Amino acid sequence: MSVNVLQAQRNLYTKGFLDLPVPEKHQLVSEIERLKKDRNAVIMAHYYQAPEIQDIADFLGDSLYLARAAENISADMIVFAGVHFMAETAKIINPSKKVVLPDLHAGCSLADSCPPDQFRAFKEKYPGAVVVSYINCSAEIKTMSDVVCTSTNAVKVIESIPDDKQIIFAPDKNLGKYLIKKTNRPMILWEGSCIVHEAFSFEKILELTKQHPNAKFIAHPESESQILDFAHFIGSTSALLRFAQEDDSDSYIVATEAGILHEMQKKSPHKTFIPAPVDDDTCACSECAFMKLNNLEKLYLCMEHQSPEIVLKQEVIESAMLPIQRMLRLG
């Protein structure tokens, strides 16, 4: 979907849609459950969503889990409680399904940092290079990619590429630097980043570890290098969750979007989870403002009105499907 078309859709969405009536708060969950049956719908939600959305989801996970789950959806409608590129991915995998997103403004700073026209020109400088795109990018970037990856399987994807091939990795430079170090493969990096994972304050983290000397510091690989160098464990959202469950420590300082702490606490209620501090005096943890645009009211509205719908051109779906399928085949 082009930037101009998406912006036009967002403008229409803002005009009046959010003013439509919704049930009282105490009725919202039961009404959403009713709509799931009436619409033959499922709710897919990322770990970074608000707790009340996580708790009502049929499928809850990170990007790789949700992409795999989307392959086997039998429902008529997918309600994607996440951000725009995630809903696009679900549509690409399920082109015949109706895919709706509670708030069309739920974008992604990382995806936005890689405009398709600029990336096309960048790619042309390196003819013959294999393009690996992190799933946190637009459908248009996926059409220019040879294979997609998530933070869960990025190492496996990079290691599957022959040694004599040059690699372009986009859009996250921090994840790219981590992968270079992890795989010992030189790569050409697009200079994109996630504002959520770049917001962590190294100095405040050092101070926090002094206050909690027994807590292990765990971090997502989208974080900056000095943050990762200090971590006891580095992993994708699902890997951080699994590590916290299986590790023998009883407390953790967690450097990723704070939404994951809800599921961590549910899985390990006897443990303590502390959000890593950010370089901002106005907030204590790193939250994605885009992820938090979704709420139960918007979830209800998009299910009731089956809108706003993710619409992609057929040629975009077909071109973007190939690199996603290659990722899914790698496991």
C-alpha atoms as a PDB file:
ATOM      1  CA  MET A   1       0.000   0.000   0.000  1.00  0.00           C
ATOM      2  CA  SER A   2       1.479   3.381  -0.991  1.00  0.00           C
ATOM      3  CA  VAL A   3       2.107   6.047   1.622  1.00  0.00           C
ATOM      4  CA  ASN A   4      -0.447   8.363  -0.025  1.00  0.00           C
ATOM      5  CA  VAL A   5      -3.187   5.709  -0.119  1.00  0.00           C
ATOM      6  CA  LEU A   6      -2.533   4.767   3.488  1.00  0.00           C
ATOM      7  CA  GLN A   7      -2.662   8.397   4.592  1.00  0.00           C
ATOM      8  CA  ALA A   8      -5.953   8.878   2.760  1.00  0.00           C
ATOM      9  CA  GLN A   9      -7.369   5.826   4.525  1.00  0.00           C
ATOM     10  CA  ARG A  10      -6.164   7.154   7.878  1.00  0.00           C
ATOM     11  CA  ASN A  11      -7.846  10.498   7.216  1.00  0.00           C
ATOM     12  CA  LEU A  12     -11.149   8.784   6.463  1.00  0.00           C
ATOM     13  CA  TYR A  13     -10.730   6.587   9.521  1.00  0.00           C
ATOM     14  CA  THR A  14     -10.235   9.617  11.775  1.00  0.00           C
ATOM     15  CA  LYS A  15     -13.342  11.366  10.409  1.00  0.00           C
ATOM     16  CA  GLY A  16     -16.196   9.921  12.377  1.00  0.00           C
ATOM     17  CA  PHE A  17     -15.244   6.257  12.817  1.00  0.00           C
ATOM     18  CA  LEU A  18     -14.020   6.713  16.371  1.00  0.00           C
ATOM     19  CA  ASP A  19     -17.211   8.636  17.241  1.00  0.00           C
ATOM     20  CA  LEU A  20     -19.436   5.624  16.581  1.00  0.00           C
ATOM     21  CA  PRO A  21     -21.214   4.224  19.661  1.00  0.00           C
ATOM     22  CA  VAL A  22     -19.602   1.498  21.778  1.00  0.00           C
ATOM     23  CA  PRO A  23     -21.001  -0.538  24.690  1.00  0.00           C
ATOM     24  CA  GLU A  24     -20.358   0.378  28.307  1.00  0.00           C
ATOM     25  CA  LYS A  25     -16.917  -0.660  29.550  1.00  0.00           C
ATOM     26  CA  HIS A  26     -18.265  -3.555  31.615  1.00  0.00           C
ATOM     27  CA  GLN A  27     -19.956  -4.961  28.486  1.00  0.00           C
ATOM     28  CA  LEU A  28     -17.056  -4.615  26.072  1.00  0.00           C
ATOM     29  CA  VAL A  29     -15.413  -8.001  26.615  1.00  0.00           C
ATOM     30  CA  SER A  30     -18.679  -9.942  26.343  1.00  0.00           C
ATOM     31  CA  GLU A  31     -19.649  -7.959  23.233  1.00  0.00           C
ATOM     32  CA  ILE A  32     -16.286  -8.651  21.625  1.00  0.00           C
ATOM     33  CA  GLU A  33     -16.701 -12.355  22.394  1.00  0.00           C
ATOM     34  CA  ARG A  34     -20.156 -12.235  20.808  1.00  0.00           C
ATOM     35  CA  LEU A  35     -18.777 -10.566  17.693  1.00  0.00           C
ATOM     36  CA  LYS A  36     -16.074 -13.214  17.387  1.00  0.00           C
ATOM     37  CA  LYS A  37     -18.827 -15.802  16.984  1.00  0.00           C
ATOM     38  CA  ASP A  38     -21.113 -13.669  14.833  1.00  0.00           C
ATOM     39  CA  ARG A  39     -18.332 -12.631  12.457  1.00  0.00           C
ATOM     40  CA  ASN A  40     -16.435 -15.957  12.589  1.00  0.00           C
ATOM     41  CA  ALA A  41     -13.415 -13.917  13.626  1.00  0.00           C
ATOM     42  CA  VAL A  42     -10.201 -14.477  15.550  1.00  0.00           C
ATOM     43  CA  ILE A  43      -8.128 -11.916  17.420  1.00  0.00           C
ATOM     44  CA  MET A  44      -4.371 -12.017  16.929  1.00  0.00           C
ATOM     45  CA  ALA A  45      -2.354  -9.879  19.330  1.00  0.00           C
ATOM     46  CA  HIS A  46       1.293  -9.056  19.879  1.00  0.00           C
ATOM     47  CA  TYR A  47       2.906  -9.192  23.314  1.00  0.00           C
ATOM     48  CA  TYR A  48       3.309  -5.402  23.207  1.00  0.00           C
ATOM     49  CA  GLN A  49      -0.431  -4.763  23.263  1.00  0.00           C
ATOM     50  CA  ALA A  50      -2.237  -3.527  26.395  1.00  0.00           C
ATOM     51  CA  PRO A  51      -2.908  -6.303  28.956  1.00  0.00           C
ATOM     52  CA  GLU A  52      -6.687  -6.296  28.419  1.00  0.00           C
ATOM     53  CA  ILE A  53      -6.150  -6.993  24.710  1.00  0.00           C
ATOM     54  CA  GLN A  54      -3.574  -9.702  25.379  1.00  0.00           C
ATOM     55  CA  ASP A  55      -6.035 -11.414  27.710  1.00  0.00           C
ATOM     56  CA  ILE A  56      -8.840 -11.542  25.114  1.00  0.00           C
ATOM     57  CA  ALA A  57      -6.681 -12.694  22.174  1.00  0.00           C
ATOM     58  CA  ASP A  58      -7.123 -16.064  20.496  1.00  0.00           C
ATOM     59  CA  PHE A  59      -3.493 -15.980  19.357  1.00  0.00           C
ATOM     60  CA  LEU A  60      -0.887 -14.125  21.421  1.00  0.00           C
ATOM     61  CA  GLY A  61       2.774 -14.053  20.496  1.00  0.00           C
ATOM     62  CA  ASP A  62       5.689 -12.443  18.716  1.00  0.00           C
ATOM     63  CA  SER A  63       5.942 -11.751  14.991  1.00  0.00           C
ATOM     64  CA  LEU A  64       7.163 -15.224  13.995  1.00  0.00           C
ATOM     65  CA  TYR A  65       4.506 -17.039  16.022  1.00  0.00           C
ATOM     66  CA  LEU A  66       1.753 -14.823  14.645  1.00  0.00           C
ATOM     67  CA  ALA A  67       2.978 -15.305  11.052  1.00  0.00           C
ATOM     68  CA  ARG A  68       3.007 -19.080  11.510  1.00  0.00           C
ATOM     69  CA  ALA A  69      -0.405 -19.028  13.174  1.00  0.00           C
ATOM     70  CA  ALA A  70      -1.832 -16.935  10.344  1.00  0.00           C
ATOM     71  CA  GLU A  71      -1.029 -19.770   7.903  1.00  0.00           C
ATOM     72  CA  ASN A  72      -3.641 -21.993   9.548  1.00  0.00           C
ATOM     73  CA  ILE A  73      -6.513 -19.605  10.277  1.00  0.00           C
ATOM     74  CA  SER A  74      -9.892 -21.000   9.238  1.00  0.00           C
ATOM     75  CA  ALA A  75     -11.953 -18.007  10.422  1.00  0.00           C
ATOM     76  CA  ASP A  76     -13.398 -15.538   7.920  1.00  0.00           C
ATOM     77  CA  MET A  77     -11.937 -12.440   9.572  1.00  0.00           C
ATOM     78  CA  ILE A  78      -8.618 -11.752  11.296  1.00  0.00           C
ATOM     79  CA  VAL A  79      -8.652  -8.903  13.793  1.00  0.00           C
ATOM     80  CA  PHE A  80      -5.017  -7.936  14.196  1.00  0.00           C
ATOM     81  CA  ALA A  81      -4.258  -6.161  17.456  1.00  0.00           C
ATOM     82  CA  GLY A  82      -0.798  -4.941  16.625  1.00  0.00           C
ATOM     83  CA  VAL A  83       0.691  -2.474  14.177  1.00  0.00           C
ATOM     84  CA  HIS A  84       0.166  -1.960  10.455  1.00  0.00           C
ATOM     85  CA  PHE A  85       3.016  -4.083   9.063  1.00  0.00           C
ATOM     86  CA  MET A  86       1.821  -7.048  11.159  1.00  0.00           C
ATOM     87  CA  ALA A  87      -1.701  -6.804   9.779  1.00  0.00           C
ATOM     88  CA  GLU A  88      -0.230  -6.502   6.276  1.00  0.00           C
ATOM     89  CA  THR A  89       1.754  -9.706   6.848  1.00  0.00           C
ATOM     90  CA  ALA A  90      -1.405 -11.531   7.938  1.00  0.00           C
ATOM     91  CA  LYS A  91      -3.147 -10.314   4.764  1.00  0.00           C
ATOM     92  CA  ILE A  92      -0.253 -11.459   2.575  1.00  0.00           C
ATOM     93  CA  ILE A  93      -0.355 -14.922   4.142  1.00  0.00           C
ATOM     94  CA  ASN A  94      -4.173 -15.013   3.960  1.00  0.00           C
ATOM     95  CA  PRO A  95      -5.128 -13.020   0.848  1.00  0.00           C
ATOM     96  CA  SER A  96      -8.686 -14.399   0.799  1.00  0.00           C
ATOM     97  CA  LYS A  97      -9.392 -13.412   4.427  1.00  0.00           C
ATOM     98  CA  LYS A  98     -10.669 -10.081   5.644  1.00  0.00           C
ATOM     99  CA  VAL A  99      -7.987  -8.535   7.878  1.00  0.00           C
ATOM    100  CA  VAL A 100      -8.863  -5.546  10.044  1.00  0.00           C
ATOM    101  CA  LEU A 101      -6.758  -3.343  12.311  1.00  0.00           C
ATOM    102  CA  PRO A 102      -8.335  -1.536  15.293  1.00  0.00           C
ATOM    103  CA  ASP A 103      -6.462   1.705  14.604  1.00  0.00           C
ATOM    104  CA  LEU A 104      -5.054   2.546  11.171  1.00  0.00           C
ATOM    105  CA  HIS A 105      -2.662   5.005  12.802  1.00  0.00           C
ATOM    106  CA  ALA A 106      -0.879   2.120  14.547  1.00  0.00           C
ATOM    107  CA  GLY A 107       2.274   2.335  12.465  1.00  0.00           C
ATOM    108  CA  CYS A 108       5.889   1.508  13.293  1.00  0.00           C
ATOM    109  CA  SER A 109       8.868   3.838  13.609  1.00  0.00           C
ATOM    110  CA  LEU A 110      11.185   1.121  12.278  1.00  0.00           C
ATOM    111  CA  ALA A 111       9.040   0.416   9.213  1.00  0.00           C
ATOM    112  CA  ASP A 112       8.710   4.170   8.621  1.00  0.00           C
ATOM    113  CA  SER A 113      12.511   4.534   8.698  1.00  0.00           C
ATOM    114  CA  CYS A 114      12.745   2.607   5.409  1.00  0.00           C
ATOM    115  CA  PRO A 115      10.809   4.418   2.631  1.00  0.00           C
ATOM    116  CA  PRO A 116      10.368   2.106  -0.403  1.00  0.00           C
ATOM    117  CA  ASP A 117      11.661   4.592  -3.005  1.00  0.00           C
ATOM    118  CA  GLN A 118      14.837   5.258  -1.029  1.00  0.00           C
ATOM    119  CA  PHE A 119      15.394   1.586  -0.337  1.00  0.00           C
ATOM    120  CA  ARG A 120      14.955   0.703  -4.029  1.00  0.00           C
ATOM    121  CA  ALA A 121      17.727   3.169  -4.924  1.00  0.00           C
ATOM    122  CA  PHE A 122      19.896   1.790  -2.098  1.00  0.00           C
ATOM    123  CA  LYS A 123      19.407  -1.788  -3.300  1.00  0.00           C
ATOM    124  CA  GLU A 124      20.383  -0.869  -6.881  1.00  0.00           C
ATOM    125  CA  LYS A 125      23.874   0.060  -5.651  1.00  0.00           C
ATOM    126  CA  TYR A 126      24.536  -3.597  -4.792  1.00  0.00           C
ATOM    127  CA  PRO A 127      23.407  -5.743  -7.738  1.00  0.00           C
ATOM    128  CA  GLY A 128      23.395  -9.442  -6.922  1.00  0.00           C
ATOM    129  CA  ALA A 129      23.176  -8.933  -3.167  1.00  0.00           C
ATOM    130  CA  VAL A 130      20.702 -11.075  -1.229  1.00  0.00           C
ATOM    131  CA  VAL A 131      18.178  -8.819   0.518  1.00  0.00           C
ATOM    132  CA  VAL A 132      17.115  -9.965   3.985  1.00  0.00           C
ATOM    133  CA  SER A 133      14.352  -7.819   5.414  1.00  0.00           C
ATOM    134  CA  TYR A 134      13.319  -7.834   9.036  1.00  0.00           C
ATOM    135  CA  ILE A 135       9.584  -8.465   9.223  1.00  0.00           C
ATOM    136  CA  ASN A 136       9.160  -4.991  10.793  1.00  0.00           C
ATOM    137  CA  CYS A 137       8.876  -3.329   7.397  1.00  0.00           C
ATOM    138  CA  SER A 138       6.182  -2.417   4.905  1.00  0.00           C
ATOM    139  CA  ALA A 139       4.750  -4.798   2.319  1.00  0.00           C
ATOM    140  CA  GLU A 140       6.562  -2.811  -0.392  1.00  0.00           C
ATOM    141  CA  ILE A 141       9.941  -3.493   1.244  1.00  0.00           C
ATOM    142  CA  LYS A 142       9.071  -7.184   1.450  1.00  0.00           C
ATOM    143  CA  THR A 143       8.448  -7.208  -2.319  1.00  0.00           C
ATOM    144  CA  MET A 144      12.061  -6.071  -2.789  1.00  0.00           C
ATOM    145  CA  SER A 145      13.403  -8.798  -0.493  1.00  0.00           C
ATOM    146  CA  ASP A 146      14.719 -12.302  -1.113  1.00  0.00           C
ATOM    147  CA  VAL A 147      13.828 -13.554   2.340  1.00  0.00           C
ATOM    148  CA  VAL A 148      12.140 -12.138   5.446  1.00  0.00           C
ATOM    149  CA  CYS A 149      13.238 -12.828   9.016  1.00  0.00           C
ATOM    150  CA  THR A 150      12.131 -12.102  12.557  1.00  0.00           C
ATOM    151  CA  SER A 151      14.373 -11.591  15.564  1.00  0.00           C
ATOM    152  CA  THR A 152      13.549 -15.197  16.525  1.00  0.00           C
ATOM    153  CA  ASN A 153      14.947 -16.791  13.367  1.00  0.00           C
ATOM    154  CA  ALA A 154      17.266 -14.094  11.972  1.00  0.00           C
ATOM    155  CA  VAL A 155      20.467 -16.026  12.749  1.00  0.00           C
ATOM    156  CA  LYS A 156      19.088 -19.126  11.000  1.00  0.00           C
ATOM    157  CA  VAL A 157      18.075 -17.066   7.957  1.00  0.00           C
ATOM    158  CA  ILE A 158      21.498 -15.410   7.662  1.00  0.00           C
ATOM    159  CA  GLU A 159      23.304 -18.749   8.065  1.00  0.00           C
ATOM    160  CA  SER A 160      21.189 -20.247   5.261  1.00  0.00           C
ATOM    161  CA  ILE A 161      22.695 -17.831   2.708  1.00  0.00           C
ATOM    162  CA  PRO A 162      25.791 -19.073   0.828  1.00  0.00           C
ATOM    163  CA  ASP A 163      29.072 -17.578   2.062  1.00  0.00           C
ATOM    164  CA  ASP A 164      29.924 -16.110  -1.334  1.00  0.00           C
ATOM    165  CA  LYS A 165      26.762 -13.993  -1.413  1.00  0.00           C
ATOM    166  CA  GLN A 166      26.722 -10.339  -0.390  1.00  0.00           C
ATOM    167  CA  ILE A 167      23.886  -9.548   2.050  1.00  0.00           C
ATOM    168  CA  ILE A 168      21.806  -6.403   2.456  1.00  0.00           C
ATOM    169  CA  PHE A 169      20.002  -6.325   5.803  1.00  0.00           C
ATOM    170  CA  ALA A 170      17.145  -3.882   6.390  1.00  0.00           C
ATOM    171  CA  PRO A 171      15.717  -1.943   8.042  1.00  0.00           C
ATOM    172  CA  ASP A 172      17.117  -2.301  11.603  1.00  0.00           C
ATOM    173  CA  LYS A 173      20.794  -1.346  11.929  1.00  0.00           C
ATOM    174  CA  ASN A 174      20.981  -2.461  15.575  1.00  0.00           C
ATOM    175  CA  LEU A 175      19.656  -5.948  14.857  1.00  0.00           C
ATOM    176  CA  GLY A 176      21.958  -5.999  11.823  1.00  0.00           C
ATOM    177  CA  LYS A 177      25.041  -5.201  13.931  1.00  0.00           C
ATOM    178  CA  TYR A 178      24.045  -7.905  16.401  1.00  0.00           C
ATOM    179  CA  LEU A 179      23.679 -10.436  13.553  1.00  0.00           C
ATOM    180  CA  ILE A 180      27.079  -9.509  12.089  1.00  0.00           C
ATOM    181  CA  LYS A 181      28.645 -10.238  15.458  1.00  0.00           C
ATOM    182  CA  LYS A 182      26.587 -13.398  16.009  1.00  0.00           C
ATOM    183  CA  THR A 183      27.084 -14.965  12.554  1.00  0.00           C
ATOM    184  CA  ASN A 184      30.445 -13.453  11.585  1.00  0.00           C
ATOM    185  CA  ARG A 185      28.913 -12.501   8.243  1.00  0.00           C
ATOM    186  CA  PRO A 186      29.634  -9.045   6.823  1.00  0.00           C
ATOM    187  CA  MET A 187      26.447  -7.277   5.769  1.00  0.00           C
ATOM    188  CA  ILE A 188      25.387  -3.995   4.200  1.00  0.00           C
ATOM    189  CA  LEU A 189      23.033  -2.332   6.669  1.00  0.00           C
ATOM    190  CA  TRP A 190      20.175   0.056   6.054  1.00  0.00           C
ATOM    191  CA  GLU A 191      20.321   2.823   8.670  1.00  0.00           C
ATOM    192  CA  GLY A 192      16.915   2.298  10.287  1.00  0.00           C
ATOM    193  CA  SER A 193      16.011   1.822  13.931  1.00  0.00           C
ATOM    194  CA  CYS A 194      13.161   1.440  16.407  1.00  0.00           C
ATOM    195  CA  ILE A 195      12.639   4.478  18.637  1.00  0.00           C
ATOM    196  CA  VAL A 196      11.357   2.210  21.423  1.00  0.00           C
ATOM    197  CA  HIS A 197      14.533   0.132  21.607  1.00  0.00           C
ATOM    198  CA  GLU A 198      16.820   3.113  21.091  1.00  0.00           C
ATOM    199  CA  ALA A 199      15.245   4.949  24.019  1.00  0.00           C
ATOM    200  CA  PHE A 200      16.935   2.915  26.758  1.00  0.00           C
ATOM    201  CA  SER A 201      19.375   4.834  28.948  1.00  0.00           C
ATOM    202  CA  PHE A 202      22.610   2.914  29.524  1.00  0.00           C
ATOM    203  CA  GLU A 203      23.474   5.082  32.526  1.00  0.00           C
ATOM    204  CA  LYS A 204      20.055   4.525  34.142  1.00  0.00           C
ATOM    205  CA  ILE A 205      20.299   0.787  33.482  1.00  0.00           C
ATOM    206  CA  LEU A 206      23.685   0.716  35.238  1.00  0.00           C
ATOM    207  CA  GLU A 207      22.170   2.518  38.199  1.00  0.00           C
ATOM    208  CA  LEU A 208      19.178   0.165  38.263  1.00  0.00           C
ATOM    209  CA  THR A 209      21.427  -2.900  38.284  1.00  0.00           C
ATOM    210  CA  LYS A 210      23.182  -1.483  41.355  1.00  0.00           C
ATOM    211  CA  GLN A 211      19.800  -1.152  43.068  1.00  0.00           C
ATOM    212  CA  HIS A 212      18.925  -4.746  42.087  1.00  0.00           C
ATOM    213  CA  PRO A 213      22.259  -6.613  42.141  1.00  0.00           C
ATOM    214  CA  ASN A 214      20.632 -10.040  41.889  1.00  0.00           C
ATOM    215  CA  ALA A 215      18.485  -9.182  38.863  1.00  0.00           C
ATOM    216  CA  LYS A 216      19.578 -10.419  35.448  1.00  0.00           C
ATOM    217  CA  PHE A 217      19.531  -7.887  32.631  1.00  0.00           C
ATOM    218  CA  ILE A 218      17.899  -9.258  29.460  1.00  0.00           C
ATOM    219  CA  ALA A 219      17.498  -7.372  26.175  1.00  0.00           C
ATOM    220  CA  HIS A 220      15.964  -7.489  22.709  1.00  0.00           C
ATOM    221  CA  PRO A 221      18.521  -7.344  19.835  1.00  0.00           C
ATOM    222  CA  GLU A 222      16.911  -4.176  18.417  1.00  0.00           C
ATOM    223  CA  SER A 223      18.610  -2.357  21.304  1.00  0.00           C
ATOM    224  CA  GLU A 224      21.855  -0.438  20.806  1.00  0.00           C
ATOM    225  CA  SER A 225      25.186  -2.274  20.974  1.00  0.00           C
ATOM    226  CA  GLN A 226      26.302  -0.956  24.372  1.00  0.00           C
ATOM    227  CA  ILE A 227      23.011  -2.156  25.869  1.00  0.00           C
ATOM    228  CA  LEU A 228      23.446  -5.611  24.330  1.00  0.00           C
ATOM    229  CA  ASP A 229      27.075  -5.869  25.444  1.00  0.00           C
ATOM    230  CA  PHE A 230      25.890  -5.460  29.026  1.00  0.00           C
ATOM    231  CA  ALA A 231      23.086  -8.043  28.866  1.00  0.00           C
ATOM    232  CA  HIS A 232      23.090 -11.451  30.548  1.00  0.00           C
ATOM    233  CA  PHE A 233      20.822 -12.705  27.764  1.00  0.00           C
ATOM    234  CA  ILE A 234      19.812 -11.366  24.335  1.00  0.00           C
ATOM    235  CA  GLY A 235      16.775 -12.667  22.497  1.00  0.00           C
ATOM    236  CA  SER A 236      13.545 -12.070  20.645  1.00  0.00           C
ATOM    237  CA  THR A 237      10.398 -11.263  22.586  1.00  0.00           C
ATOM    238  CA  SER A 238       9.435 -14.937  22.818  1.00  0.00           C
ATOM    239  CA  ALA A 239      13.014 -15.915  23.705  1.00  0.00           C
ATOM    240  CA  LEU A 240      13.078 -13.371  26.542  1.00  0.00           C
ATOM    241  CA  LEU A 241       9.787 -14.770  27.825  1.00  0.00           C
ATOM    242  CA  ARG A 242      11.059 -18.351  27.646  1.00  0.00           C
ATOM    243  CA  PHE A 243      14.374 -17.449  29.305  1.00  0.00           C
ATOM    244  CA  ALA A 244      12.604 -15.758  32.207  1.00  0.00           C
ATOM    245  CA  GLN A 245      10.487 -18.882  32.727  1.00  0.00           C
ATOM    246  CA  GLU A 246      13.341 -21.393  32.556  1.00  0.00           C
ATOM    247  CA  ASP A 247      16.169 -19.450  34.211  1.00  0.00           C
ATOM    248  CA  ASP A 248      16.771 -19.878  37.935  1.00  0.00           C
ATOM    249  CA  SER A 249      16.979 -16.181  38.809  1.00  0.00           C
ATOM    250  CA  ASP A 250      14.009 -14.614  40.601  1.00  0.00           C
ATOM    251  CA  SER A 251      14.261 -11.093  39.155  1.00  0.00           C
ATOM    252  CA  TYR A 252      14.943  -9.516  35.765  1.00  0.00           C
ATOM    253  CA  ILE A 253      15.485  -6.083  34.262  1.00  0.00           C
ATOM    254  CA  VAL A 254      13.881  -6.255  30.828  1.00  0.00           C
ATOM    255  CA  ALA A 255      14.984  -4.084  27.887  1.00  0.00           C
ATOM    256  CA  THR A 256      12.184  -4.308  25.353  1.00  0.00           C
ATOM    257  CA  GLU A 257       8.697  -2.840  25.000  1.00  0.00           C
ATOM    258  CA  ALA A 258       7.105  -2.994  28.451  1.00  0.00           C
ATOM    259  CA  GLY A 259       3.993  -4.839  27.250  1.00  0.00           C
ATOM    260  CA  ILE A 260       5.843  -8.164  27.500  1.00  0.00           C
ATOM    261  CA  LEU A 261       6.024  -7.820  31.290  1.00  0.00           C
ATOM    262  CA  HIS A 262       2.317  -8.687  31.534  1.00  0.00           C
ATOM    263  CA  GLU A 263       2.817 -12.150  30.021  1.00  0.00           C
ATOM    264  CA  MET A 264       6.104 -12.639  31.900  1.00  0.00           C
ATOM    265  CA  GLN A 265       4.327 -12.019  35.180  1.00  0.00           C
ATOM    266  CA  LYS A 266       1.474 -14.364  34.221  1.00  0.00           C
ATOM    267  CA  LYS A 267       3.902 -17.149  33.282  1.00  0.00           C
ATOM    268  CA  SER A 268       6.145 -16.619  36.340  1.00  0.00           C
ATOM    269  CA  PRO A 269       4.016 -15.005  39.078  1.00  0.00           C
ATOM    270  CA  HIS A 270       6.649 -15.724  41.745  1.00  0.00           C
ATOM    271  CA  LYS A 271       9.311 -13.660  39.930  1.00  0.00           C
ATOM    272  CA  THR A 272       9.966  -9.922  39.713  1.00  0.00           C
ATOM    273  CA  PHE A 273      10.164  -8.103  36.377  1.00  0.00           C
ATOM    274  CA  ILE A 274      11.488  -4.547  36.125  1.00  0.00           C
ATOM    275  CA  PRO A 275      11.215  -2.502  32.920  1.00  0.00           C
ATOM    276  CA  ALA A 276      14.524  -1.060  31.758  1.00  0.00           C
ATOM    277  CA  PRO A 277      14.548   2.746  32.148  1.00  0.00           C
ATOM    278  CA  VAL A 278      14.639   5.124  29.209  1.00  0.00           C
ATOM    279  CA  ASP A 279      16.426   8.393  28.618  1.00  0.00           C
ATOM    280  CA  ASP A 280      13.309  10.450  29.335  1.00  0.00           C
ATOM    281  CA  ASP A 281      12.217  11.944  32.640  1.00  0.00           C
ATOM    282  CA  THR A 282       8.540  11.771  31.667  1.00  0.00           C
ATOM    283  CA  CYS A 283       8.281   7.958  31.728  1.00  0.00           C
ATOM    284  CA  ALA A 284       9.912   5.055  33.552  1.00  0.00           C
ATOM    285  CA  CYS A 285       9.810   2.410  30.806  1.00  0.00           C
ATOM    286  CA  SER A 286       9.851   2.061  27.047  1.00  0.00           C
ATOM    287  CA  GLU A 287       6.388   1.808  25.509  1.00  0.00           C
ATOM    288  CA  CYS A 288       5.488   1.840  21.828  1.00  0.00           C
ATOM    289  CA  ALA A 289       2.964   4.620  21.352  1.00  0.00           C
ATOM    290  CA  PHE A 290       1.789   2.955  18.136  1.00  0.00           C
ATOM    291  CA  MET A 291       1.112  -0.397  19.827  1.00  0.00           C
ATOM    292  CA  LYS A 292      -0.797   1.321  22.583  1.00  0.00           C
ATOM    293  CA  LEU A 293      -3.163   3.083  20.144  1.00  0.00           C
ATOM    294  CA  ASN A 294      -5.288  -0.064  20.100  1.00  0.00           C
ATOM    295  CA  ASN A 295      -7.804  -0.500  22.927  1.00  0.00           C
ATOM    296  CA  LEU A 296     -10.960  -2.519  23.611  1.00  0.00           C
ATOM    297  CA  GLU A 297     -13.255   0.204  22.267  1.00  0.00           C
ATOM    298  CA  LYS A 298     -11.441   0.288  18.924  1.00  0.00           C
ATOM    299  CA  LEU A 299     -11.287  -3.494  18.888  1.00  0.00           C
ATOM    300  CA  TYR A 300     -15.066  -3.601  19.271  1.00  0.00           C
ATOM    301  CA  LEU A 301     -15.638  -0.978  16.558  1.00  0.00           C
ATOM    302  CA  CYS A 302     -13.454  -2.697  13.980  1.00  0.00           C
ATOM    303  CA  MET A 303     -15.196  -6.022  14.621  1.00  0.00           C
ATOM    304  CA  GLU A 304     -18.686  -4.537  14.581  1.00  0.00           C
ATOM    305  CA  HIS A 305     -18.088  -2.569  11.352  1.00  0.00           C
ATOM    306  CA  GLN A 306     -15.437  -4.911   9.865  1.00  0.00           C
ATOM    307  CA  SER A 307     -13.279  -1.877   9.232  1.00  0.00           C
ATOM    308  CA  PRO A 308     -10.673  -0.468   8.748  1.00  0.00           C
ATOM    309  CA  GLU A 309      -9.665  -3.270   6.420  1.00  0.00           C
ATOM    310  CA  ILE A 310      -6.134  -3.972   5.189  1.00  0.00           C
ATOM    311  CA  VAL A 311      -6.215  -3.844   1.385  1.00  0.00           C
ATOM    312  CA  LEU A 312      -3.182  -4.699  -0.744  1.00  0.00           C
ATOM    313  CA  LYS A 313      -2.734  -4.953  -4.499  1.00  0.00           C
ATOM    314  CA  GLN A 314      -2.582  -8.509  -5.824  1.00  0.00           C
ATOM    315  CA  GLU A 315       0.906  -8.008  -7.278  1.00  0.00           C
ATOM    316  CA  VAL A 316       2.164  -6.772  -3.893  1.00  0.00           C
ATOM    317  CA  ILE A 317       0.679  -9.809  -2.147  1.00  0.00           C
ATOM    318  CA  GLU A 318       2.236 -12.216  -4.645  1.00  0.00           C
ATOM    319  CA  SER A 319       5.690 -10.579  -4.551  1.00  0.00           C
ATOM    320  CA  ALA A 320       5.767 -10.238  -0.756  1.00  0.00           C
ATOM    321  CA  MET A 321       4.508 -13.788  -0.243  1.00  0.00           C
ATOM    322  CA  LEU A 322       7.673 -15.377  -1.683  1.00  0.00           C
ATOM    323  CA  PRO A 323      10.214 -14.040   0.879  1.00  0.00           C
ATOM    324  CA  ILE A 324       7.757 -14.731   3.721  1.00  0.00           C
ATOM    325  CA  GLN A 325       7.294 -18.323   2.533  1.00  0.00           C
ATOM    326  CA  ARG A 326      11.060 -18.767   2.396  1.00  0.00           C
ATOM    327  CA  MET A 327      11.247 -17.644   6.022  1.00  0.00           C
ATOM    328  CA  LEU A 328       8.466 -19.973   7.115  1.00  0.00           C
ATOM    329  CA  ARG A 329      10.074 -22.938   5.327  1.00  0.00           C
ATOM    330  CA  LEU A 330      13.302 -22.307   7.231  1.00  0.00           C
ATOM    331  CA  GLY A 331      11.353 -22.532  10.496  1.00  0.00           C
END
